[in-house]
Full PDB file with SEQRES, HELIX, SHEET, SSBOND, CRYST1, ORIGX, SCALE, CONECT and MASTER records, all heavy atoms in Angstrom:
SEQRES   1 A   35  TRP GLU ILE VAL ALA GLU ALA THR ARG PRO PRO LEU THR          
SEQRES   2 A   35  SER ILE ASP MET ASN LEU ALA SER LEU GLY ARG GLU ALA          
SEQRES   3 A   35  GLY LEU ALA LEU LEU SER LEU VAL ASP                          
HELIX    1 AA1 GLU A    2  ALA A    5  1                                   4    
HELIX    2 AA2 LEU A   19  VAL A   34  1                                  16    
CRYST1    1.000    1.000    1.000  90.00  90.00  90.00 P 1           1          
ORIGX1      1.000000  0.000000  0.000000        0.00000                         
ORIGX2      0.000000  1.000000  0.000000        0.00000                         
ORIGX3      0.000000  0.000000  1.000000        0.00000                         
SCALE1      1.000000  0.000000  0.000000        0.00000                         
SCALE2      0.000000  1.000000  0.000000        0.00000                         
SCALE3      0.000000  0.000000  1.000000        0.00000                         
ATOM      1  N   TRP A   1       6.293  -0.437  -6.677  1.00  0.00           N  
ATOM      2  CA  TRP A   1       5.679   0.593  -7.505  1.00  0.00           C  
ATOM      3  C   TRP A   1       5.401  -0.073  -8.858  1.00  0.00           C  
ATOM      4  O   TRP A   1       6.283  -0.231  -9.688  1.00  0.00           O  
ATOM      5  CB  TRP A   1       6.638   1.771  -7.656  1.00  0.00           C  
ATOM      6  CG  TRP A   1       6.035   2.985  -8.259  1.00  0.00           C  
ATOM      7  CD1 TRP A   1       4.730   3.162  -8.650  1.00  0.00           C  
ATOM      8  CD2 TRP A   1       6.687   4.213  -8.536  1.00  0.00           C  
ATOM      9  NE1 TRP A   1       4.527   4.415  -9.157  1.00  0.00           N  
ATOM     10  CE2 TRP A   1       5.711   5.085  -9.090  1.00  0.00           C  
ATOM     11  CE3 TRP A   1       8.001   4.667  -8.374  1.00  0.00           C  
ATOM     12  CZ2 TRP A   1       6.032   6.383  -9.495  1.00  0.00           C  
ATOM     13  CZ3 TRP A   1       8.302   5.948  -8.776  1.00  0.00           C  
ATOM     14  CH2 TRP A   1       7.328   6.810  -9.315  1.00  0.00           C  
ATOM     15  N   GLU A   2       4.152  -0.459  -9.080  1.00  0.00           N  
ATOM     16  CA  GLU A   2       3.839  -1.354 -10.193  1.00  0.00           C  
ATOM     17  C   GLU A   2       4.208  -0.785 -11.552  1.00  0.00           C  
ATOM     18  O   GLU A   2       4.594  -1.510 -12.455  1.00  0.00           O  
ATOM     19  CB  GLU A   2       2.351  -1.720 -10.145  1.00  0.00           C  
ATOM     20  CG  GLU A   2       2.005  -2.605  -8.946  1.00  0.00           C  
ATOM     21  CD  GLU A   2       0.557  -3.045  -8.947  1.00  0.00           C  
ATOM     22  OE1 GLU A   2      -0.193  -2.627  -9.853  1.00  0.00           O  
ATOM     23  OE2 GLU A   2       0.172  -3.800  -8.039  1.00  0.00           O  
ATOM     24  N   ILE A   3       4.081   0.531 -11.717  1.00  0.00           N  
ATOM     25  CA  ILE A   3       4.401   1.128 -13.010  1.00  0.00           C  
ATOM     26  C   ILE A   3       5.887   0.938 -13.350  1.00  0.00           C  
ATOM     27  O   ILE A   3       6.276   0.900 -14.525  1.00  0.00           O  
ATOM     28  CB  ILE A   3       4.035   2.639 -13.013  1.00  0.00           C  
ATOM     29  CG1 ILE A   3       4.025   3.171 -14.434  1.00  0.00           C  
ATOM     30  CG2 ILE A   3       4.990   3.443 -12.127  1.00  0.00           C  
ATOM     31  CD1 ILE A   3       3.477   4.590 -14.548  1.00  0.00           C  
ATOM     32  N   VAL A   4       6.724   0.788 -12.336  1.00  0.00           N  
ATOM     33  CA  VAL A   4       8.153   0.518 -12.535  1.00  0.00           C  
ATOM     34  C   VAL A   4       8.420  -0.986 -12.517  1.00  0.00           C  
ATOM     35  O   VAL A   4       9.079  -1.531 -13.417  1.00  0.00           O  
ATOM     36  CB  VAL A   4       9.001   1.216 -11.456  1.00  0.00           C  
ATOM     37  CG1 VAL A   4      10.475   0.811 -11.563  1.00  0.00           C  
ATOM     38  CG2 VAL A   4       8.863   2.738 -11.568  1.00  0.00           C  
ATOM     39  N   ALA A   5       7.897  -1.674 -11.495  1.00  0.00           N  
ATOM     40  CA  ALA A   5       8.215  -3.093 -11.308  1.00  0.00           C  
ATOM     41  C   ALA A   5       7.753  -3.943 -12.484  1.00  0.00           C  
ATOM     42  O   ALA A   5       8.480  -4.840 -12.938  1.00  0.00           O  
ATOM     43  CB  ALA A   5       7.590  -3.591 -10.015  1.00  0.00           C  
ATOM     44  N   GLU A   6       6.566  -3.691 -12.997  1.00  0.00           N  
ATOM     45  CA  GLU A   6       6.038  -4.533 -14.060  1.00  0.00           C  
ATOM     46  C   GLU A   6       6.634  -4.199 -15.420  1.00  0.00           C  
ATOM     47  O   GLU A   6       6.611  -5.017 -16.341  1.00  0.00           O  
ATOM     48  CB  GLU A   6       4.519  -4.429 -14.089  1.00  0.00           C  
ATOM     49  CG  GLU A   6       3.870  -5.033 -12.843  1.00  0.00           C  
ATOM     50  CD  GLU A   6       2.358  -4.959 -12.866  1.00  0.00           C  
ATOM     51  OE1 GLU A   6       1.813  -4.318 -13.798  1.00  0.00           O  
ATOM     52  OE2 GLU A   6       1.725  -5.524 -11.962  1.00  0.00           O  
ATOM     53  N   ALA A   7       7.162  -2.970 -15.580  1.00  0.00           N  
ATOM     54  CA  ALA A   7       7.766  -2.570 -16.861  1.00  0.00           C  
ATOM     55  C   ALA A   7       9.243  -2.938 -16.933  1.00  0.00           C  
ATOM     56  O   ALA A   7       9.860  -2.849 -17.996  1.00  0.00           O  
ATOM     57  CB  ALA A   7       7.585  -1.078 -17.079  1.00  0.00           C  
ATOM     58  N   THR A   8       9.835  -3.317 -15.793  1.00  0.00           N  
ATOM     59  CA  THR A   8      11.247  -3.722 -15.780  1.00  0.00           C  
ATOM     60  C   THR A   8      11.387  -5.065 -16.507  1.00  0.00           C  
ATOM     61  O   THR A   8      10.488  -5.885 -16.494  1.00  0.00           O  
ATOM     62  CB  THR A   8      11.739  -3.836 -14.323  1.00  0.00           C  
ATOM     63  OG1 THR A   8      11.562  -2.586 -13.674  1.00  0.00           O  
ATOM     64  CG2 THR A   8      13.207  -4.223 -14.263  1.00  0.00           C  
ATOM     65  N   ARG A   9      12.539  -5.275 -17.154  1.00  0.00           N  
ATOM     66  CA  ARG A   9      12.792  -6.531 -17.851  1.00  0.00           C  
ATOM     67  C   ARG A   9      14.025  -7.204 -17.299  1.00  0.00           C  
ATOM     68  O   ARG A   9      15.114  -6.668 -17.453  1.00  0.00           O  
ATOM     69  CB  ARG A   9      12.929  -6.285 -19.355  1.00  0.00           C  
ATOM     70  CG  ARG A   9      11.615  -5.902 -20.009  1.00  0.00           C  
ATOM     71  CD  ARG A   9      10.610  -7.072 -19.927  1.00  0.00           C  
ATOM     72  NE  ARG A   9       9.280  -6.701 -20.425  1.00  0.00           N  
ATOM     73  CZ  ARG A   9       8.265  -6.304 -19.652  1.00  0.00           C  
ATOM     74  NH1 ARG A   9       8.443  -6.197 -18.344  1.00  0.00           N  
ATOM     75  NH2 ARG A   9       7.104  -6.024 -20.176  1.00  0.00           N  
ATOM     76  N   PRO A  10      13.902  -8.350 -16.618  1.00  0.00           N  
ATOM     77  CA  PRO A  10      12.637  -9.025 -16.337  1.00  0.00           C  
ATOM     78  C   PRO A  10      11.825  -8.294 -15.260  1.00  0.00           C  
ATOM     79  O   PRO A  10      12.385  -7.495 -14.513  1.00  0.00           O  
ATOM     80  CB  PRO A  10      13.094 -10.404 -15.829  1.00  0.00           C  
ATOM     81  CG  PRO A  10      14.413 -10.127 -15.172  1.00  0.00           C  
ATOM     82  CD  PRO A  10      15.064  -9.074 -16.043  1.00  0.00           C  
ATOM     83  N   PRO A  11      10.515  -8.562 -15.182  1.00  0.00           N  
ATOM     84  CA  PRO A  11       9.682  -7.916 -14.156  1.00  0.00           C  
ATOM     85  C   PRO A  11      10.281  -8.100 -12.763  1.00  0.00           C  
ATOM     86  O   PRO A  11      10.826  -9.151 -12.433  1.00  0.00           O  
ATOM     87  CB  PRO A  11       8.332  -8.626 -14.309  1.00  0.00           C  
ATOM     88  CG  PRO A  11       8.302  -9.027 -15.748  1.00  0.00           C  
ATOM     89  CD  PRO A  11       9.706  -9.414 -16.072  1.00  0.00           C  
ATOM     90  N   LEU A  12      10.150  -7.046 -11.972  1.00  0.00           N  
ATOM     91  CA  LEU A  12      10.893  -6.928 -10.718  1.00  0.00           C  
ATOM     92  C   LEU A  12      10.148  -7.501  -9.523  1.00  0.00           C  
ATOM     93  O   LEU A  12       9.012  -7.115  -9.225  1.00  0.00           O  
ATOM     94  CB  LEU A  12      11.194  -5.443 -10.470  1.00  0.00           C  
ATOM     95  CG  LEU A  12      11.933  -5.074  -9.197  1.00  0.00           C  
ATOM     96  CD1 LEU A  12      13.350  -5.647  -9.212  1.00  0.00           C  
ATOM     97  CD2 LEU A  12      11.978  -3.540  -9.043  1.00  0.00           C  
ATOM     98  N   THR A  13      10.804  -8.407  -8.813  1.00  0.00           N  
ATOM     99  CA  THR A  13      10.331  -8.816  -7.483  1.00  0.00           C  
ATOM    100  C   THR A  13      10.547  -7.660  -6.526  1.00  0.00           C  
ATOM    101  O   THR A  13      11.599  -7.014  -6.547  1.00  0.00           O  
ATOM    102  CB  THR A  13      11.094 -10.060  -7.004  1.00  0.00           C  
ATOM    103  OG1 THR A  13      10.787 -11.154  -7.861  1.00  0.00           O  
ATOM    104  CG2 THR A  13      10.724 -10.424  -5.576  1.00  0.00           C  
ATOM    105  N   SER A  14       9.564  -7.385  -5.669  1.00  0.00           N  
ATOM    106  CA  SER A  14       9.673  -6.201  -4.808  1.00  0.00           C  
ATOM    107  C   SER A  14       8.915  -6.394  -3.508  1.00  0.00           C  
ATOM    108  O   SER A  14       8.036  -7.258  -3.405  1.00  0.00           O  
ATOM    109  CB  SER A  14       9.128  -4.972  -5.558  1.00  0.00           C  
ATOM    110  OG  SER A  14       9.353  -3.789  -4.822  1.00  0.00           O  
ATOM    111  N   ILE A  15       9.262  -5.569  -2.538  1.00  0.00           N  
ATOM    112  CA  ILE A  15       8.582  -5.552  -1.250  1.00  0.00           C  
ATOM    113  C   ILE A  15       7.476  -4.496  -1.297  1.00  0.00           C  
ATOM    114  O   ILE A  15       7.740  -3.323  -1.588  1.00  0.00           O  
ATOM    115  CB  ILE A  15       9.552  -5.214  -0.098  1.00  0.00           C  
ATOM    116  CG1 ILE A  15      10.682  -6.244  -0.029  1.00  0.00           C  
ATOM    117  CG2 ILE A  15       8.803  -5.146   1.231  1.00  0.00           C  
ATOM    118  CD1 ILE A  15      10.231  -7.659   0.236  1.00  0.00           C  
ATOM    119  N   ASP A  16       6.252  -4.927  -1.039  1.00  0.00           N  
ATOM    120  CA  ASP A  16       5.105  -4.020  -1.036  1.00  0.00           C  
ATOM    121  C   ASP A  16       4.841  -3.561   0.393  1.00  0.00           C  
ATOM    122  O   ASP A  16       4.737  -4.375   1.308  1.00  0.00           O  
ATOM    123  CB  ASP A  16       3.877  -4.765  -1.585  1.00  0.00           C  
ATOM    124  CG  ASP A  16       2.724  -3.825  -1.897  1.00  0.00           C  
ATOM    125  OD1 ASP A  16       2.367  -3.014  -1.024  1.00  0.00           O  
ATOM    126  OD2 ASP A  16       2.181  -3.895  -3.010  1.00  0.00           O  
ATOM    127  N   MET A  17       4.736  -2.253   0.589  1.00  0.00           N  
ATOM    128  CA  MET A  17       4.517  -1.691   1.929  1.00  0.00           C  
ATOM    129  C   MET A  17       3.056  -1.716   2.352  1.00  0.00           C  
ATOM    130  O   MET A  17       2.718  -1.228   3.431  1.00  0.00           O  
ATOM    131  CB  MET A  17       5.066  -0.278   1.996  1.00  0.00           C  
ATOM    132  CG  MET A  17       6.569  -0.183   1.872  1.00  0.00           C  
ATOM    133  SD  MET A  17       7.197   1.484   2.114  1.00  0.00           S  
ATOM    134  CE  MET A  17       6.608   2.291   0.627  1.00  0.00           C  
ATOM    135  N   ASN A  18       2.178  -2.285   1.507  1.00  0.00           N  
ATOM    136  CA  ASN A  18       0.752  -2.403   1.868  1.00  0.00           C  
ATOM    137  C   ASN A  18       0.157  -1.064   2.267  1.00  0.00           C  
ATOM    138  O   ASN A  18      -0.515  -0.947   3.292  1.00  0.00           O  
ATOM    139  CB  ASN A  18       0.575  -3.421   3.000  1.00  0.00           C  
ATOM    140  CG  ASN A  18       0.661  -4.847   2.520  1.00  0.00           C  
ATOM    141  OD1 ASN A  18       0.345  -5.163   1.391  1.00  0.00           O  
ATOM    142  ND2 ASN A  18       1.122  -5.738   3.405  1.00  0.00           N  
ATOM    143  N   LEU A  19       0.363  -0.047   1.412  1.00  0.00           N  
ATOM    144  CA  LEU A  19      -0.088   1.301   1.763  1.00  0.00           C  
ATOM    145  C   LEU A  19      -1.616   1.396   1.821  1.00  0.00           C  
ATOM    146  O   LEU A  19      -2.158   2.157   2.634  1.00  0.00           O  
ATOM    147  CB  LEU A  19       0.471   2.314   0.760  1.00  0.00           C  
ATOM    148  CG  LEU A  19       1.997   2.500   0.812  1.00  0.00           C  
ATOM    149  CD1 LEU A  19       2.446   3.440  -0.287  1.00  0.00           C  
ATOM    150  CD2 LEU A  19       2.414   3.017   2.171  1.00  0.00           C  
ATOM    151  N   ALA A  20      -2.306   0.653   0.964  1.00  0.00           N  
ATOM    152  CA  ALA A  20      -3.767   0.685   1.034  1.00  0.00           C  
ATOM    153  C   ALA A  20      -4.258   0.126   2.365  1.00  0.00           C  
ATOM    154  O   ALA A  20      -5.176   0.675   2.988  1.00  0.00           O  
ATOM    155  CB  ALA A  20      -4.375  -0.094  -0.132  1.00  0.00           C  
ATOM    156  N   SER A  21      -3.646  -0.961   2.825  1.00  0.00           N  
ATOM    157  CA  SER A  21      -4.002  -1.510   4.131  1.00  0.00           C  
ATOM    158  C   SER A  21      -3.644  -0.545   5.253  1.00  0.00           C  
ATOM    159  O   SER A  21      -4.389  -0.395   6.231  1.00  0.00           O  
ATOM    160  CB  SER A  21      -3.285  -2.847   4.360  1.00  0.00           C  
ATOM    161  OG  SER A  21      -3.700  -3.807   3.421  1.00  0.00           O  
ATOM    162  N   LEU A  22      -2.506   0.133   5.095  1.00  0.00           N  
ATOM    163  CA  LEU A  22      -2.099   1.131   6.073  1.00  0.00           C  
ATOM    164  C   LEU A  22      -3.142   2.248   6.138  1.00  0.00           C  
ATOM    165  O   LEU A  22      -3.529   2.698   7.234  1.00  0.00           O  
ATOM    166  CB  LEU A  22      -0.739   1.701   5.671  1.00  0.00           C  
ATOM    167  CG  LEU A  22      -0.017   2.581   6.695  1.00  0.00           C  
ATOM    168  CD1 LEU A  22       0.452   1.749   7.871  1.00  0.00           C  
ATOM    169  CD2 LEU A  22       1.172   3.275   6.055  1.00  0.00           C  
ATOM    170  N   GLY A  23      -3.612   2.698   4.975  1.00  0.00           N  
ATOM    171  CA  GLY A  23      -4.639   3.731   4.936  1.00  0.00           C  
ATOM    172  C   GLY A  23      -5.941   3.262   5.554  1.00  0.00           C  
ATOM    173  O   GLY A  23      -6.611   4.019   6.264  1.00  0.00           O  
ATOM    174  N   ARG A  24      -6.284   2.009   5.281  1.00  0.00           N  
ATOM    175  CA  ARG A  24      -7.523   1.489   5.856  1.00  0.00           C  
ATOM    176  C   ARG A  24      -7.448   1.466   7.388  1.00  0.00           C  
ATOM    177  O   ARG A  24      -8.396   1.881   8.072  1.00  0.00           O  
ATOM    178  CB  ARG A  24      -7.772   0.065   5.324  1.00  0.00           C  
ATOM    179  CG  ARG A  24      -9.028  -0.569   5.903  1.00  0.00           C  
ATOM    180  CD  ARG A  24      -9.333  -1.925   5.264  1.00  0.00           C  
ATOM    181  NE  ARG A  24     -10.489  -2.528   5.903  1.00  0.00           N  
ATOM    182  CZ  ARG A  24     -11.752  -2.208   5.642  1.00  0.00           C  
ATOM    183  NH1 ARG A  24     -12.006  -1.276   4.752  1.00  0.00           N  
ATOM    184  NH2 ARG A  24     -12.748  -2.802   6.278  1.00  0.00           N  
ATOM    185  N   GLU A  25      -6.326   1.021   7.930  1.00  0.00           N  
ATOM    186  CA  GLU A  25      -6.170   0.996   9.385  1.00  0.00           C  
ATOM    187  C   GLU A  25      -6.192   2.413   9.962  1.00  0.00           C  
ATOM    188  O   GLU A  25      -6.740   2.647  11.035  1.00  0.00           O  
ATOM    189  CB  GLU A  25      -4.866   0.296   9.757  1.00  0.00           C  
ATOM    190  CG  GLU A  25      -4.865  -1.199   9.470  1.00  0.00           C  
ATOM    191  CD  GLU A  25      -5.947  -1.936  10.233  1.00  0.00           C  
ATOM    192  OE1 GLU A  25      -6.144  -1.662  11.436  1.00  0.00           O  
ATOM    193  OE2 GLU A  25      -6.614  -2.784   9.630  1.00  0.00           O  
ATOM    194  N   ALA A  26      -5.590   3.369   9.238  1.00  0.00           N  
ATOM    195  CA  ALA A  26      -5.606   4.752   9.699  1.00  0.00           C  
ATOM    196  C   ALA A  26      -7.035   5.291   9.704  1.00  0.00           C  
ATOM    197  O   ALA A  26      -7.440   6.003  10.638  1.00  0.00           O  
ATOM    198  CB  ALA A  26      -4.721   5.611   8.788  1.00  0.00           C  
ATOM    199  N   GLY A  27      -7.801   4.970   8.661  1.00  0.00           N  
ATOM    200  CA  GLY A  27      -9.179   5.420   8.608  1.00  0.00           C  
ATOM    201  C   GLY A  27     -10.022   4.856   9.738  1.00  0.00           C  
ATOM    202  O   GLY A  27     -10.819   5.570  10.363  1.00  0.00           O  
ATOM    203  N   LEU A  28      -9.847   3.564  10.019  1.00  0.00           N  
ATOM    204  CA  LEU A  28     -10.599   2.943  11.111  1.00  0.00           C  
ATOM    205  C   LEU A  28     -10.193   3.512  12.462  1.00  0.00           C  
ATOM    206  O   LEU A  28     -11.039   3.713  13.356  1.00  0.00           O  
ATOM    207  CB  LEU A  28     -10.392   1.428  11.079  1.00  0.00           C  
ATOM    208  CG  LEU A  28     -10.974   0.699   9.863  1.00  0.00           C  
ATOM    209  CD1 LEU A  28     -10.587  -0.770   9.878  1.00  0.00           C  
ATOM    210  CD2 LEU A  28     -12.498   0.851   9.823  1.00  0.00           C  
ATOM    211  N   ALA A  29      -8.877   3.780  12.628  1.00  0.00           N  
ATOM    212  CA  ALA A  29      -8.417   4.378  13.890  1.00  0.00           C  
ATOM    213  C   ALA A  29      -9.018   5.759  14.084  1.00  0.00           C  
ATOM    214  O   ALA A  29      -9.435   6.136  15.182  1.00  0.00           O  
ATOM    215  CB  ALA A  29      -6.889   4.442  13.893  1.00  0.00           C  
ATOM    216  N   LEU A  30      -9.049   6.544  12.991  1.00  0.00           N  
ATOM    217  CA  LEU A  30      -9.626   7.880  13.084  1.00  0.00           C  
ATOM    218  C   LEU A  30     -11.114   7.806  13.415  1.00  0.00           C  
ATOM    219  O   LEU A  30     -11.613   8.578  14.244  1.00  0.00           O  
ATOM    220  CB  LEU A  30      -9.414   8.629  11.774  1.00  0.00           C  
ATOM    221  CG  LEU A  30      -9.906  10.086  11.769  1.00  0.00           C  
ATOM    222  CD1 LEU A  30      -9.121  10.933  12.769  1.00  0.00           C  
ATOM    223  CD2 LEU A  30      -9.796  10.684  10.370  1.00  0.00           C  
ATOM    224  N   LEU A  31     -11.825   6.881  12.777  1.00  0.00           N  
ATOM    225  CA  LEU A  31     -13.259   6.736  13.036  1.00  0.00           C  
ATOM    226  C   LEU A  31     -13.522   6.383  14.488  1.00  0.00           C  
ATOM    227  O   LEU A  31     -14.470   6.899  15.104  1.00  0.00           O  
ATOM    228  CB  LEU A  31     -13.825   5.655  12.114  1.00  0.00           C  
ATOM    229  CG  LEU A  31     -15.346   5.601  11.987  1.00  0.00           C  
ATOM    230  CD1 LEU A  31     -15.880   6.882  11.389  1.00  0.00           C  
ATOM    231  CD2 LEU A  31     -15.757   4.400  11.139  1.00  0.00           C  
ATOM    232  N   SER A  32     -12.676   5.536  15.073  1.00  0.00           N  
ATOM    233  CA  SER A  32     -12.833   5.193  16.496  1.00  0.00           C  
ATOM    234  C   SER A  32     -12.656   6.419  17.379  1.00  0.00           C  
ATOM    235  O   SER A  32     -13.419   6.636  18.324  1.00  0.00           O  
ATOM    236  CB  SER A  32     -11.813   4.124  16.885  1.00  0.00           C  
ATOM    237  OG  SER A  32     -12.077   2.902  16.240  1.00  0.00           O  
ATOM    238  N   LEU A  33     -11.664   7.244  17.051  1.00  0.00           N  
ATOM    239  CA  LEU A  33     -11.444   8.457  17.837  1.00  0.00           C  
ATOM    240  C   LEU A  33     -12.610   9.432  17.680  1.00  0.00           C  
ATOM    241  O   LEU A  33     -13.042  10.058  18.658  1.00  0.00           O  
ATOM    242  CB  LEU A  33     -10.141   9.130  17.394  1.00  0.00           C  
ATOM    243  CG  LEU A  33      -8.849   8.385  17.728  1.00  0.00           C  
ATOM    244  CD1 LEU A  33      -7.653   9.064  17.054  1.00  0.00           C  
ATOM    245  CD2 LEU A  33      -8.642   8.325  19.239  1.00  0.00           C  
ATOM    246  N   VAL A  34     -13.140   9.547  16.465  1.00  0.00           N  
ATOM    247  CA  VAL A  34     -14.279  10.438  16.234  1.00  0.00           C  
ATOM    248  C   VAL A  34     -15.490   9.977  17.048  1.00  0.00           C  
ATOM    249  O   VAL A  34     -16.253  10.788  17.583  1.00  0.00           O  
ATOM    250  CB  VAL A  34     -14.623  10.492  14.732  1.00  0.00           C  
ATOM    251  CG1 VAL A  34     -15.958  11.187  14.495  1.00  0.00           C  
ATOM    252  CG2 VAL A  34     -13.514  11.203  13.963  1.00  0.00           C  
ATOM    253  N   ASP A  35     -15.648   8.654  17.155  1.00  0.00           N  
ATOM    254  CA  ASP A  35     -16.771   8.098  17.918  1.00  0.00           C  
ATOM    255  C   ASP A  35     -16.541   8.114  19.422  1.00  0.00           C  
ATOM    256  O   ASP A  35     -17.349   7.586  20.195  1.00  0.00           O  
ATOM    257  CB  ASP A  35     -17.041   6.659  17.466  1.00  0.00           C  
ATOM    258  CG  ASP A  35     -17.661   6.598  16.080  1.00  0.00           C  
ATOM    259  OD1 ASP A  35     -18.241   7.625  15.650  1.00  0.00           O  
ATOM    260  OD2 ASP A  35     -17.566   5.558  15.416  1.00  0.00           O  
TER     261      ASP A  35                                                      
MASTER        0    0    0    2    0    0    0    6  260    1    0    3          
END                                                                             
């Protein structure tokens, strides 16, 4: 969560869940079903 991770001192190493990529895959999966 960048608003937290980057404001932490020192800046925080973190695991990113790649939510934008997850959303993109969900959108493509939905488009395939629609087609």
